[in-house]
Amino acid sequence: MSALDALIDEISDLKDWRAEQERKSNNYVRKVRMKERKDGKVIVEDGSGFVSGPVTQASMTSGEWTIDAPANPGAQGFLICPDGETEGGAFFPCLPNDNHPHASTEQGTLRLKGPAGAEIEIAGGVATLKGVKVVIDPETHLAGKGGPAVARVGDMVDVKFGSSKGLHPIIQGSSKVFAN
């Protein structure tokens, strides 16, 4: 190989290296919209024809709390790829607008996750509170104001007939209360 051939090979290698660096640079931050959800991840696309593989949708976090609101297809955002490779990127949804709503694909699901397993989930008109202990304060009307009373452990029950006739305390109960 002549010195000229070696120089041509070196220039070709430098061009390839530069093209690779430009490709990665273009991938650091990319304005995208969510195309679809697949296996718990999202696939995003941009106006140039780029379509990602499955990437994680980022959740908002602050301290020990996480806010998770899975985006709908069409939601706008940014694909952030710290190493320039889209496979390791994360989709950060942006503020919604009239043309691109950021509602959840899970019927409006919003999750707030906190320390020690505390979680509040609002989905399809149902609010679910989870945790080691859930305290509801103040007064709570399970069947609406004036609804049927709910007996609790310790409440007294007046048995009208039979061998157990009389006033007796409730000594056992369910750990869950259901109301319609």
N, C-alpha and C. Protein backbone atom coordinates (compact mmCIF):
# COMPACT_ATOMS: atom_id res chain seq x y z
N MET A 1 0.85 -1.17 0.00
CA MET A 1 0.00 0.00 0.00
C MET A 1 0.90 1.23 0.00
N SER A 2 0.59 2.14 -0.90
CA SER A 2 1.40 3.35 -0.99
C SER A 2 1.00 4.34 0.09
N ALA A 3 1.82 5.33 0.29
CA ALA A 3 1.52 6.38 1.28
C ALA A 3 0.24 7.12 0.90
N LEU A 4 0.02 7.28 -0.39
CA LEU A 4 -1.19 7.96 -0.85
C LEU A 4 -2.43 7.12 -0.53
N ASP A 5 -2.34 5.80 -0.77
CA ASP A 5 -3.47 4.91 -0.43
C ASP A 5 -3.74 4.93 1.07
N ALA A 6 -2.69 4.94 1.87
CA ALA A 6 -2.85 4.99 3.33
C ALA A 6 -3.53 6.30 3.74
N LEU A 7 -3.13 7.40 3.11
CA LEU A 7 -3.74 8.70 3.42
C LEU A 7 -5.22 8.71 3.02
N ILE A 8 -5.54 8.14 1.87
CA ILE A 8 -6.93 8.07 1.41
C ILE A 8 -7.75 7.23 2.39
N ASP A 9 -7.20 6.10 2.86
CA ASP A 9 -7.90 5.26 3.85
C ASP A 9 -8.11 6.03 5.15
N GLU A 10 -7.11 6.77 5.57
CA GLU A 10 -7.21 7.55 6.82
C GLU A 10 -8.29 8.63 6.69
N ILE A 11 -8.33 9.32 5.55
CA ILE A 11 -9.35 10.34 5.32
C ILE A 11 -10.74 9.70 5.29
N SER A 12 -10.86 8.54 4.67
CA SER A 12 -12.14 7.82 4.63
C SER A 12 -12.58 7.44 6.04
N ASP A 13 -11.64 6.95 6.87
CA ASP A 13 -11.96 6.60 8.26
C ASP A 13 -12.40 7.84 9.04
N LEU A 14 -11.73 8.97 8.82
CA LEU A 14 -12.11 10.22 9.50
C LEU A 14 -13.51 10.67 9.08
N LYS A 15 -13.84 10.53 7.79
CA LYS A 15 -15.19 10.88 7.32
C LYS A 15 -16.23 10.00 8.00
N ASP A 16 -15.96 8.69 8.09
CA ASP A 16 -16.89 7.77 8.75
C ASP A 16 -17.06 8.15 10.22
N TRP A 17 -15.94 8.46 10.89
CA TRP A 17 -15.98 8.83 12.30
C TRP A 17 -16.80 10.11 12.49
N ARG A 18 -16.57 11.09 11.60
CA ARG A 18 -17.30 12.35 11.69
C ARG A 18 -18.80 12.12 11.45
N ALA A 19 -19.15 11.30 10.49
CA ALA A 19 -20.57 11.00 10.22
C ALA A 19 -21.21 10.34 11.43
N GLU A 20 -20.48 9.43 12.09
CA GLU A 20 -21.00 8.77 13.29
C GLU A 20 -21.21 9.78 14.41
N GLN A 21 -20.28 10.71 14.58
CA GLN A 21 -20.41 11.73 15.62
C GLN A 21 -21.59 12.66 15.33
N GLU A 22 -21.79 13.01 14.08
CA GLU A 22 -22.94 13.85 13.71
C GLU A 22 -24.26 13.11 13.95
N ARG A 23 -24.29 11.81 13.62
CA ARG A 23 -25.50 11.02 13.87
C ARG A 23 -25.82 11.01 15.36
N LYS A 24 -24.82 10.75 16.19
CA LYS A 24 -25.04 10.74 17.64
C LYS A 24 -25.46 12.12 18.14
N SER A 25 -24.82 13.16 17.61
CA SER A 25 -25.14 14.53 18.03
C SER A 25 -26.60 14.85 17.72
N ASN A 26 -27.08 14.41 16.56
CA ASN A 26 -28.48 14.64 16.19
C ASN A 26 -29.44 13.86 17.08
N ASN A 27 -28.97 12.83 17.74
CA ASN A 27 -29.82 12.00 18.59
C ASN A 27 -29.84 12.43 20.05
N TYR A 28 -28.98 13.34 20.48
CA TYR A 28 -28.96 13.71 21.90
C TYR A 28 -30.33 14.20 22.35
N VAL A 29 -30.91 15.13 21.62
CA VAL A 29 -32.25 15.63 21.92
C VAL A 29 -32.99 15.71 20.60
N ARG A 30 -34.13 15.05 20.55
CA ARG A 30 -34.91 15.00 19.31
C ARG A 30 -36.36 15.30 19.65
N LYS A 31 -36.97 16.29 18.97
CA LYS A 31 -38.39 16.59 19.17
C LYS A 31 -39.20 15.51 18.46
N VAL A 32 -40.10 14.84 19.21
CA VAL A 32 -40.82 13.70 18.68
C VAL A 32 -42.29 13.74 19.12
N ARG A 33 -43.05 12.80 18.62
CA ARG A 33 -44.39 12.55 19.13
C ARG A 33 -44.51 11.05 19.34
N MET A 34 -45.34 10.68 20.32
CA MET A 34 -45.51 9.26 20.62
C MET A 34 -46.33 8.60 19.52
N LYS A 35 -45.82 7.53 18.98
CA LYS A 35 -46.51 6.79 17.92
C LYS A 35 -47.40 5.69 18.52
N GLU A 36 -46.83 4.89 19.43
CA GLU A 36 -47.59 3.79 20.03
C GLU A 36 -46.93 3.33 21.32
N ARG A 37 -47.69 2.55 22.08
CA ARG A 37 -47.19 1.94 23.31
C ARG A 37 -47.01 0.45 23.03
N LYS A 38 -45.88 -0.11 23.47
CA LYS A 38 -45.59 -1.52 23.20
C LYS A 38 -44.83 -2.12 24.37
N ASP A 39 -45.41 -3.13 24.99
CA ASP A 39 -44.77 -3.85 26.10
C ASP A 39 -44.28 -2.92 27.20
N GLY A 40 -45.11 -1.95 27.58
CA GLY A 40 -44.76 -1.05 28.67
C GLY A 40 -43.80 0.07 28.28
N LYS A 41 -43.42 0.13 27.02
CA LYS A 41 -42.54 1.20 26.54
C LYS A 41 -43.26 1.95 25.43
N VAL A 42 -42.64 3.00 24.93
CA VAL A 42 -43.25 3.78 23.86
C VAL A 42 -42.36 3.79 22.63
N ILE A 43 -42.99 3.93 21.48
CA ILE A 43 -42.27 4.11 20.22
C ILE A 43 -42.59 5.52 19.77
N VAL A 44 -41.56 6.29 19.44
CA VAL A 44 -41.74 7.68 19.05
C VAL A 44 -41.25 7.89 17.62
N GLU A 45 -41.71 9.00 17.01
CA GLU A 45 -41.30 9.33 15.65
C GLU A 45 -41.17 10.84 15.53
N ASP A 46 -40.42 11.26 14.54
CA ASP A 46 -40.33 12.70 14.27
C ASP A 46 -40.76 12.97 12.83
N GLY A 47 -40.72 14.22 12.42
CA GLY A 47 -41.18 14.60 11.08
C GLY A 47 -40.27 14.16 9.96
N SER A 48 -39.05 13.71 10.26
CA SER A 48 -38.11 13.34 9.21
C SER A 48 -38.24 11.89 8.77
N GLY A 49 -39.14 11.13 9.41
CA GLY A 49 -39.27 9.71 9.09
C GLY A 49 -38.61 8.81 10.11
N PHE A 50 -37.90 9.38 11.07
CA PHE A 50 -37.26 8.59 12.13
C PHE A 50 -38.34 7.94 13.00
N VAL A 51 -38.20 6.65 13.28
CA VAL A 51 -39.06 5.92 14.21
C VAL A 51 -38.13 5.17 15.16
N SER A 52 -38.34 5.37 16.45
CA SER A 52 -37.47 4.72 17.44
C SER A 52 -37.89 3.27 17.67
N GLY A 53 -37.02 2.53 18.31
CA GLY A 53 -37.41 1.26 18.90
C GLY A 53 -38.10 1.58 20.22
N PRO A 54 -38.55 0.57 20.97
CA PRO A 54 -39.20 0.83 22.25
C PRO A 54 -38.26 1.54 23.23
N VAL A 55 -38.72 2.66 23.80
CA VAL A 55 -37.95 3.41 24.80
C VAL A 55 -38.84 3.66 26.02
N THR A 56 -38.23 3.97 27.12
CA THR A 56 -38.95 4.22 28.36
C THR A 56 -39.56 5.61 28.34
N GLN A 57 -40.80 5.74 28.85
CA GLN A 57 -41.38 7.07 29.06
C GLN A 57 -40.95 7.52 30.44
N ALA A 58 -40.36 8.68 30.53
CA ALA A 58 -39.90 9.21 31.81
C ALA A 58 -41.09 9.63 32.67
N SER A 59 -40.93 9.47 33.97
CA SER A 59 -41.91 9.95 34.94
C SER A 59 -41.33 11.18 35.61
N MET A 60 -42.21 12.06 36.08
CA MET A 60 -41.73 13.23 36.84
C MET A 60 -41.45 12.78 38.26
N THR A 61 -40.32 13.20 38.79
CA THR A 61 -40.00 12.86 40.17
C THR A 61 -39.57 14.11 40.91
N SER A 62 -39.86 14.10 42.20
CA SER A 62 -39.44 15.18 43.08
C SER A 62 -39.24 14.55 44.45
N GLY A 63 -38.01 14.56 44.91
CA GLY A 63 -37.74 13.92 46.19
C GLY A 63 -38.10 12.45 46.12
N GLU A 64 -38.94 12.02 47.04
CA GLU A 64 -39.33 10.61 47.09
C GLU A 64 -40.62 10.33 46.32
N TRP A 65 -41.19 11.32 45.64
CA TRP A 65 -42.46 11.15 44.95
C TRP A 65 -42.25 11.04 43.45
N THR A 66 -43.06 10.20 42.81
CA THR A 66 -43.04 10.03 41.36
C THR A 66 -44.45 10.26 40.82
N ILE A 67 -44.57 10.99 39.73
CA ILE A 67 -45.85 11.19 39.05
C ILE A 67 -45.76 10.46 37.72
N ASP A 68 -46.68 9.53 37.50
CA ASP A 68 -46.67 8.71 36.30
C ASP A 68 -48.01 8.89 35.59
N ALA A 69 -47.97 9.42 34.38
CA ALA A 69 -49.19 9.59 33.57
C ALA A 69 -48.86 9.13 32.16
N PRO A 70 -49.10 7.84 31.84
CA PRO A 70 -48.75 7.33 30.52
C PRO A 70 -49.39 8.15 29.40
N ALA A 71 -48.58 8.55 28.43
CA ALA A 71 -49.04 9.43 27.35
C ALA A 71 -49.84 8.67 26.30
N ASN A 72 -50.72 9.40 25.64
CA ASN A 72 -51.48 8.88 24.50
C ASN A 72 -50.65 8.95 23.24
N PRO A 73 -50.94 8.11 22.25
CA PRO A 73 -50.33 8.31 20.94
C PRO A 73 -50.64 9.73 20.45
N GLY A 74 -49.66 10.38 19.88
CA GLY A 74 -49.80 11.75 19.42
C GLY A 74 -49.24 12.76 20.39
N ALA A 75 -48.97 12.35 21.64
CA ALA A 75 -48.41 13.28 22.61
C ALA A 75 -47.03 13.72 22.14
N GLN A 76 -46.77 15.03 22.23
CA GLN A 76 -45.48 15.57 21.83
C GLN A 76 -44.50 15.50 22.98
N GLY A 77 -43.24 15.48 22.64
CA GLY A 77 -42.22 15.47 23.69
C GLY A 77 -40.84 15.45 23.08
N PHE A 78 -39.89 15.06 23.91
CA PHE A 78 -38.50 14.99 23.48
C PHE A 78 -37.95 13.61 23.77
N LEU A 79 -37.17 13.09 22.84
CA LEU A 79 -36.42 11.86 23.07
C LEU A 79 -35.02 12.31 23.46
N ILE A 80 -34.64 12.00 24.69
CA ILE A 80 -33.32 12.39 25.20
C ILE A 80 -32.45 11.14 25.22
N CYS A 81 -31.30 11.22 24.56
CA CYS A 81 -30.37 10.09 24.46
C CYS A 81 -28.99 10.57 24.90
N PRO A 82 -28.65 10.40 26.19
CA PRO A 82 -27.39 10.94 26.70
C PRO A 82 -26.15 10.46 25.96
N ASP A 83 -26.18 9.22 25.44
CA ASP A 83 -25.01 8.71 24.73
C ASP A 83 -25.16 8.81 23.21
N GLY A 84 -26.25 9.43 22.75
CA GLY A 84 -26.47 9.58 21.32
C GLY A 84 -27.08 8.36 20.66
N GLU A 85 -27.30 7.29 21.42
CA GLU A 85 -27.90 6.07 20.90
C GLU A 85 -29.36 6.02 21.33
N THR A 86 -30.28 5.92 20.38
CA THR A 86 -31.70 5.99 20.71
C THR A 86 -32.17 4.80 21.54
N GLU A 87 -31.49 3.66 21.48
CA GLU A 87 -31.91 2.48 22.25
C GLU A 87 -31.91 2.76 23.75
N GLY A 88 -31.04 3.63 24.21
CA GLY A 88 -30.96 3.95 25.64
C GLY A 88 -31.66 5.25 25.98
N GLY A 89 -32.47 5.77 25.06
CA GLY A 89 -33.12 7.05 25.28
C GLY A 89 -34.36 6.95 26.15
N ALA A 90 -34.88 8.11 26.52
CA ALA A 90 -36.11 8.20 27.30
C ALA A 90 -36.99 9.28 26.68
N PHE A 91 -38.30 8.99 26.63
CA PHE A 91 -39.28 9.93 26.10
C PHE A 91 -39.81 10.79 27.23
N PHE A 92 -39.68 12.11 27.08
CA PHE A 92 -40.18 13.08 28.05
C PHE A 92 -41.36 13.81 27.42
N PRO A 93 -42.60 13.48 27.82
CA PRO A 93 -43.75 14.17 27.26
C PRO A 93 -43.74 15.65 27.65
N CYS A 94 -44.26 16.48 26.75
CA CYS A 94 -44.35 17.92 27.01
C CYS A 94 -45.75 18.30 27.45
N LEU A 95 -45.93 19.59 27.69
CA LEU A 95 -47.26 20.08 28.02
C LEU A 95 -48.18 19.86 26.84
N PRO A 96 -49.42 19.44 27.10
CA PRO A 96 -50.34 19.17 26.00
C PRO A 96 -50.87 20.46 25.38
N ASN A 97 -51.43 20.33 24.20
CA ASN A 97 -52.17 21.43 23.60
C ASN A 97 -53.41 20.84 22.93
N ASP A 98 -54.22 21.67 22.30
CA ASP A 98 -55.47 21.19 21.71
C ASP A 98 -55.25 20.12 20.64
N ASN A 99 -54.17 20.24 19.88
CA ASN A 99 -53.91 19.28 18.80
C ASN A 99 -53.26 17.99 19.29
N HIS A 100 -52.60 18.05 20.43
CA HIS A 100 -51.86 16.89 20.94
C HIS A 100 -52.13 16.71 22.42
N PRO A 101 -53.27 16.09 22.76
CA PRO A 101 -53.59 15.91 24.18
C PRO A 101 -52.62 14.96 24.85
N HIS A 102 -52.32 15.21 26.10
CA HIS A 102 -51.44 14.33 26.87
C HIS A 102 -52.29 13.58 27.90
N ALA A 103 -53.40 13.04 27.43
CA ALA A 103 -54.19 12.20 28.33
C ALA A 103 -53.54 10.83 28.36
N SER A 104 -53.93 10.04 29.31
CA SER A 104 -53.35 8.72 29.47
C SER A 104 -53.96 7.74 28.49
N THR A 105 -53.19 6.71 28.13
CA THR A 105 -53.73 5.61 27.34
C THR A 105 -54.50 4.67 28.24
N GLU A 106 -54.46 4.90 29.52
CA GLU A 106 -55.13 4.02 30.48
C GLU A 106 -56.37 4.72 31.04
N GLN A 107 -57.20 5.29 30.18
CA GLN A 107 -58.44 5.97 30.56
C GLN A 107 -58.19 7.08 31.58
N GLY A 108 -57.20 7.89 31.35
CA GLY A 108 -56.96 9.02 32.24
C GLY A 108 -56.20 8.66 33.50
N THR A 109 -55.43 7.61 33.48
CA THR A 109 -54.72 7.16 34.68
C THR A 109 -53.65 8.16 35.11
N LEU A 110 -53.63 8.45 36.39
CA LEU A 110 -52.59 9.26 37.00
C LEU A 110 -52.14 8.54 38.26
N ARG A 111 -50.84 8.34 38.41
CA ARG A 111 -50.31 7.68 39.60
C ARG A 111 -49.33 8.58 40.31
N LEU A 112 -49.50 8.70 41.62
CA LEU A 112 -48.54 9.39 42.47
C LEU A 112 -47.94 8.33 43.37
N LYS A 113 -46.63 8.10 43.26
CA LYS A 113 -45.97 7.06 44.05
C LYS A 113 -45.03 7.72 45.04
N GLY A 114 -45.15 7.34 46.30
CA GLY A 114 -44.34 7.94 47.34
C GLY A 114 -43.53 6.92 48.10
N PRO A 115 -42.92 7.36 49.19
CA PRO A 115 -42.08 6.47 49.98
C PRO A 115 -42.90 5.39 50.68
N ALA A 116 -42.25 4.31 51.04
CA ALA A 116 -42.82 3.21 51.82
C ALA A 116 -44.07 2.61 51.16
N GLY A 117 -44.13 2.61 49.84
CA GLY A 117 -45.24 1.97 49.14
C GLY A 117 -46.51 2.79 49.04
N ALA A 118 -46.48 4.05 49.47
CA ALA A 118 -47.68 4.90 49.37
C ALA A 118 -47.96 5.17 47.90
N GLU A 119 -49.22 5.02 47.50
CA GLU A 119 -49.57 5.25 46.10
C GLU A 119 -51.01 5.73 46.00
N ILE A 120 -51.22 6.72 45.16
CA ILE A 120 -52.56 7.21 44.84
C ILE A 120 -52.72 7.00 43.34
N GLU A 121 -53.79 6.31 42.95
CA GLU A 121 -54.04 6.09 41.53
C GLU A 121 -55.45 6.56 41.21
N ILE A 122 -55.55 7.38 40.17
CA ILE A 122 -56.85 7.85 39.71
C ILE A 122 -56.99 7.35 38.28
N ALA A 123 -58.01 6.51 38.05
CA ALA A 123 -58.17 5.90 36.73
C ALA A 123 -59.64 5.68 36.44
N GLY A 124 -60.10 6.20 35.32
CA GLY A 124 -61.47 5.96 34.89
C GLY A 124 -62.51 6.35 35.92
N GLY A 125 -62.28 7.42 36.66
CA GLY A 125 -63.24 7.88 37.65
C GLY A 125 -63.12 7.19 39.00
N VAL A 126 -62.15 6.30 39.17
CA VAL A 126 -61.95 5.58 40.43
C VAL A 126 -60.63 6.03 41.05
N ALA A 127 -60.68 6.41 42.32
CA ALA A 127 -59.46 6.77 43.05
C ALA A 127 -59.11 5.62 43.98
N THR A 128 -57.87 5.15 43.90
CA THR A 128 -57.40 4.05 44.74
C THR A 128 -56.24 4.55 45.58
N LEU A 129 -56.33 4.35 46.87
CA LEU A 129 -55.26 4.70 47.80
C LEU A 129 -54.61 3.42 48.26
N LYS A 130 -53.28 3.34 48.19
CA LYS A 130 -52.57 2.14 48.63
C LYS A 130 -51.48 2.55 49.62
N GLY A 131 -51.23 1.70 50.56
CA GLY A 131 -50.16 1.96 51.51
C GLY A 131 -50.24 0.98 52.66
N VAL A 132 -49.25 1.03 53.52
CA VAL A 132 -49.25 0.18 54.70
C VAL A 132 -50.47 0.51 55.56
N LYS A 133 -50.80 1.80 55.65
CA LYS A 133 -51.97 2.26 56.39
C LYS A 133 -52.54 3.44 55.62
N VAL A 134 -53.86 3.43 55.42
CA VAL A 134 -54.52 4.54 54.73
C VAL A 134 -55.44 5.22 55.73
N VAL A 135 -55.25 6.51 55.90
CA VAL A 135 -56.07 7.30 56.82
C VAL A 135 -56.86 8.30 56.00
N ILE A 136 -58.17 8.32 56.20
CA ILE A 136 -59.02 9.29 55.51
C ILE A 136 -59.53 10.26 56.57
N ASP A 137 -59.23 11.53 56.37
CA ASP A 137 -59.60 12.54 57.35
C ASP A 137 -60.16 13.72 56.57
N PRO A 138 -61.24 14.26 56.87
CA PRO A 138 -62.12 14.13 58.04
C PRO A 138 -63.24 13.14 57.77
N GLU A 139 -64.46 13.50 58.17
CA GLU A 139 -65.64 12.65 58.01
C GLU A 139 -65.78 12.20 56.56
N THR A 140 -66.13 10.92 56.36
CA THR A 140 -66.26 10.36 55.03
C THR A 140 -67.66 9.77 54.85
N HIS A 141 -68.30 10.10 53.75
CA HIS A 141 -69.64 9.59 53.45
C HIS A 141 -69.50 8.52 52.37
N LEU A 142 -69.54 7.24 52.78
CA LEU A 142 -69.28 6.15 51.84
C LEU A 142 -70.36 5.98 50.79
N ALA A 143 -71.59 6.21 51.14
CA ALA A 143 -72.67 6.06 50.16
C ALA A 143 -73.31 7.42 49.87
N GLY A 144 -72.53 8.46 50.00
CA GLY A 144 -73.06 9.81 49.82
C GLY A 144 -73.65 10.30 51.12
N LYS A 145 -73.82 11.57 51.24
CA LYS A 145 -74.36 12.15 52.48
C LYS A 145 -75.74 11.55 52.77
N GLY A 146 -75.90 11.04 53.98
CA GLY A 146 -77.15 10.41 54.37
C GLY A 146 -77.27 8.97 53.92
N GLY A 147 -76.20 8.38 53.38
CA GLY A 147 -76.22 6.99 52.92
C GLY A 147 -76.28 6.02 54.08
N PRO A 148 -76.36 4.71 53.79
CA PRO A 148 -76.45 3.71 54.84
C PRO A 148 -75.20 3.71 55.73
N ALA A 149 -75.42 3.45 57.00
CA ALA A 149 -74.31 3.42 57.96
C ALA A 149 -73.45 2.19 57.73
N VAL A 150 -72.19 2.29 58.09
CA VAL A 150 -71.25 1.18 58.00
C VAL A 150 -70.83 0.83 59.41
N ALA A 151 -70.99 -0.44 59.78
CA ALA A 151 -70.59 -0.88 61.12
C ALA A 151 -69.08 -1.09 61.16
N ARG A 152 -68.47 -0.75 62.31
CA ARG A 152 -67.03 -0.89 62.50
C ARG A 152 -66.76 -1.76 63.72
N VAL A 153 -65.57 -2.32 63.78
CA VAL A 153 -65.16 -3.08 64.97
C VAL A 153 -65.29 -2.15 66.17
N GLY A 154 -65.94 -2.65 67.22
CA GLY A 154 -66.15 -1.85 68.43
C GLY A 154 -67.53 -1.24 68.51
N ASP A 155 -68.20 -1.07 67.35
CA ASP A 155 -69.58 -0.56 67.38
C ASP A 155 -70.47 -1.58 68.07
N MET A 156 -71.53 -1.10 68.69
CA MET A 156 -72.48 -1.97 69.38
C MET A 156 -73.62 -2.33 68.43
N VAL A 157 -74.03 -3.60 68.48
CA VAL A 157 -75.13 -4.10 67.66
C VAL A 157 -76.22 -4.60 68.60
N ASP A 158 -77.44 -4.19 68.34
CA ASP A 158 -78.58 -4.62 69.17
C ASP A 158 -79.24 -5.83 68.50
N VAL A 159 -78.98 -7.03 69.05
CA VAL A 159 -79.58 -8.26 68.54
C VAL A 159 -80.96 -8.37 69.15
N LYS A 160 -81.99 -8.43 68.31
CA LYS A 160 -83.38 -8.38 68.78
C LYS A 160 -83.94 -9.74 69.19
N PHE A 161 -83.45 -10.82 68.60
CA PHE A 161 -84.07 -12.13 68.85
C PHE A 161 -83.00 -13.18 69.11
N GLY A 162 -83.42 -14.31 69.67
CA GLY A 162 -82.57 -15.47 69.85
C GLY A 162 -81.78 -15.46 71.14
N SER A 163 -80.92 -16.46 71.27
CA SER A 163 -80.16 -16.61 72.51
C SER A 163 -79.12 -15.51 72.71
N SER A 164 -78.77 -14.79 71.65
CA SER A 164 -77.78 -13.71 71.76
C SER A 164 -78.44 -12.35 71.88
N LYS A 165 -79.73 -12.34 72.22
CA LYS A 165 -80.48 -11.09 72.32
C LYS A 165 -79.76 -10.13 73.25
N GLY A 166 -79.71 -8.86 72.83
CA GLY A 166 -79.08 -7.83 73.65
C GLY A 166 -78.08 -7.00 72.85
N LEU A 167 -77.37 -6.13 73.53
CA LEU A 167 -76.40 -5.23 72.92
C LEU A 167 -75.01 -5.87 72.98
N HIS A 168 -74.38 -6.05 71.82
CA HIS A 168 -73.08 -6.71 71.75
C HIS A 168 -72.12 -5.89 70.87
N PRO A 169 -70.82 -5.86 71.23
CA PRO A 169 -69.85 -5.16 70.39
C PRO A 169 -69.44 -6.01 69.18
N ILE A 170 -69.15 -5.35 68.08
CA ILE A 170 -68.59 -6.05 66.92
C ILE A 170 -67.12 -6.29 67.24
N ILE A 171 -66.69 -7.56 67.19
CA ILE A 171 -65.31 -7.87 67.59
C ILE A 171 -64.42 -8.20 66.39
N GLN A 172 -65.00 -8.43 65.22
CA GLN A 172 -64.21 -8.70 64.02
C GLN A 172 -64.82 -7.95 62.85
N GLY A 173 -63.99 -7.68 61.87
CA GLY A 173 -64.50 -7.01 60.69
C GLY A 173 -63.52 -7.11 59.54
N SER A 174 -63.96 -6.70 58.40
CA SER A 174 -63.12 -6.70 57.21
C SER A 174 -62.13 -5.54 57.29
N SER A 175 -60.97 -5.74 56.70
CA SER A 175 -60.00 -4.65 56.64
C SER A 175 -60.31 -3.70 55.48
N LYS A 176 -61.29 -4.08 54.64
CA LYS A 176 -61.68 -3.23 53.51
C LYS A 176 -63.17 -2.93 53.61
N VAL A 177 -63.55 -1.74 53.23
CA VAL A 177 -64.95 -1.35 53.21
C VAL A 177 -65.31 -1.03 51.77
N PHE A 178 -66.40 -1.61 51.29
CA PHE A 178 -66.86 -1.36 49.94
C PHE A 178 -68.18 -0.62 50.02
N ALA A 179 -68.37 0.38 49.20
CA ALA A 179 -69.63 1.14 49.21
C ALA A 179 -70.05 1.41 47.78
N ASN A 180 -71.34 1.45 47.57
CA ASN A 180 -71.88 1.75 46.24
C ASN A 180 -72.51 3.11 46.25
